[in-house]
Each structure stands twice: as structure tokens, then as C-alpha cells.
């Protein structure tokens, strides 16, 4: 008598499904890009401002000295003549006074490439200032090194992970941000982003299988729980997007395109917690799939307990990852508050601190709740209820089905 045939995890519909998801996102981006934008970049001459590359032709009348804050920082002024190398004003030259400050201590040299802020009025008058050093090639080099490291260490999986990262960046930059800035609810836009990112990345990495479906449901549920918890606590402590650090600038934008600032906190926690929740979900689902693949007769209860035990080992590090990420974004503010000897009662009631605490803890709670949710969903999809174990052949529990 032949033993039942057991298959390895499959990738049924892997590349067609991936291409379908990528195609949907590309179509969304094209439709969004076809809509007309209202410019809000107003420069010092009253015209729309553009950032272009330029080269320094000459440097004269330098008045430079060391900053009183730090000897290595140079402050003062330089008289620069530059030629614009890109954009509508390409080929034009401009002379202006370049101001060096402790926060922008860029010493210009002849032949150096810079990024210039250029704004031009209808009468042809042009205002130019130094925006930053020209760093684009170095940033691209760093990105290339990152993707090379992924390919060398991770092999095929590393390459797919890199493609998934580019896909996520594409979704945020060309779908989520344009939708929000054109008046679409940040809550709806963030939920769409979750579906696009999790669906695309999991299908890319695991194929169109039960595994990807388990990850998608677990991740979506986890981030939704994070968002709902954050929304509840934000309502109780009376904070919203209007208390955010960039609220005043966003208010200016909202006057032209109907940006819904109040809902931005919900979207922020959804996006901030998405990566950690995805890692938690895929860790649990992958381990449970392996257990089920090697022992398909494992009971639902034992499989669920195994998923919970695996999740318990991940929630500590994932929660720390999220908390430390929020801490890193607030490091300068925390140092400033510490140096100023802010009293505890003042500190704990600062809008910025309250917002960050609510966001960080909501995300961490979402990660914790992702564990039982993902374990439960995985058990239900891998081992659906049946009348009799003997009436169902073993091959019906293939992972890739």
C-alpha cells in the first residue's frame, strides 16, 4: 500500500498574481498622476519655487568665522555666482549672497555642484539661494550597496525582498501621498495602502497561497487594531493631527486641496506599525506552516499553542523595534527637553509627547494582539473543521493549495 503523497509548499499563481497586483497599483498611480495638482510651493519672490542643480562659477567677498556654538561650524557670508544646470532656467547665471548658519554651514567652492532654490516671477526676476549640497549620486550609491547586500546574502529571497521594498516605496510615494494631498480621507488611503503593500509583498515572497492569505489577514487585522486603539485614546486625551509638529504648514496646504489634517494621526500609526506587524505575522505563519507541513495530523489546539509560543518570542523584540523607532525620531526633542530640565507635569502634558506616546503604545499593543489573531486565522485556514479525520485524505492539507 502506497503512503499518502505530501507536497511541499507551493507557489500556485505566484508570478501572474504578483503581476496583477503590481499592474493594479501602476494603474492607480497613472490615474492619480493624471489629476491636476495645485502648486503650494511659493518662494521669496511670490512665484512657485523649484529646486535645481547648479555649479559655482566664482566665490568672492567671503566673511567667514567659526561659530560660537562649535569651532568646526563656519558661519558668515559668501558672494556667489552660479550657473543653473537643470529646469526651466537652465543656462542662466545668478549672483547672490550666500548666508552660512550653524544649521546650514555649507561652504561653497568654485566648481562645486549645489542644489539651488529658484523662483521666478512673470517679469523674469529670479531669486536664488543655496538649498543644500548635491548628494544625489551618493544616495544612489548607498541604495545600490543595500540591494547588492540583499542579493548576496539573501539570494533569490533577498532579491524579492528588494523588489518588495521598491514596491512599498512606490505605493507610498505615488498612491498614498497623492491621494491624501488631494483631499481623500487619510484613514481610507492608509487602509488601501495596507492592502496593497501586504498583498503585493506577501504574494511576491510566498506566492498566491494560503500562507500569503494568512499573512494578509493577520497583518491587516493587527494594524487595524493599532489604529482603532490609537483613535480611541486620541479621542480621550483630545489630540489630533492639528497638534502635530507640522500642523501649521499643513493648514496652508489644506486651504488649496482639502487635506484632512485631523485624520493624519490614524494614518500615521497604521503606516508606522505596518512593518513590525508584517514581520510578526510572517514569522508566526511561516513557523506554523512548517509544523503543519511536517505533521499534518497535529491537532488545531496544539498548532494554535505552537503559534502562540512562537509569537511570544517575537512580540518583545518587535515592540522594542517600534518603541525605539519612535524614540529615534524624537531624539533631538528629548535631548532638548532633558537639557532644559522640563518638569514632569509639563513634560507628560506636552502635545508632542502625548501624540508620540499614544502612537508608540498603540502600535505595540497592535503587535501583541496580532499574535493570537494570526495564530487563530492560520489554524482555521490550515485545518478547517471536518466531520471525520479518516474521511479526508492527507493531501487535502497541502500548504500551497
Foldseek 3Di string as FASTA:
>chain_A
DDDDDFDAADFVQQVVLLVVLLVVLVVLLVVLVVDDDDQDQADPVRFHKDKFKKFWADKDDWDWAADPVDRVAIWGKIWTKIATCDDPRHGDIDIDIATADRVRRDDDDHGFMFIWIWGADPVGDIDIYTDGHPCVVVVVVVLVVQLVVLCVVVPPLSNLVNVLVVQLVCCVPRPLVSCLLQAHQLLVSLLVSLQSSLLNSLSSRRHPFVLSVLLSQLLSQLLVQLLVQLVVVCVVLVAFLCLDPCNVVVVSSCVPRVRDRRRVLSSVLSVLLNVLSSVLLSQLSVVLLVVCSVPVPDDLVVSLVVLLVSSVVRLVVSLVVSLVVLCVVCVVVVVVCVVVVDDPVVQVSRNHNVSSVSSSVSSSVSSNVSRSSSSVSSSCSQPPDDDDPVVDDSRVNHRGD
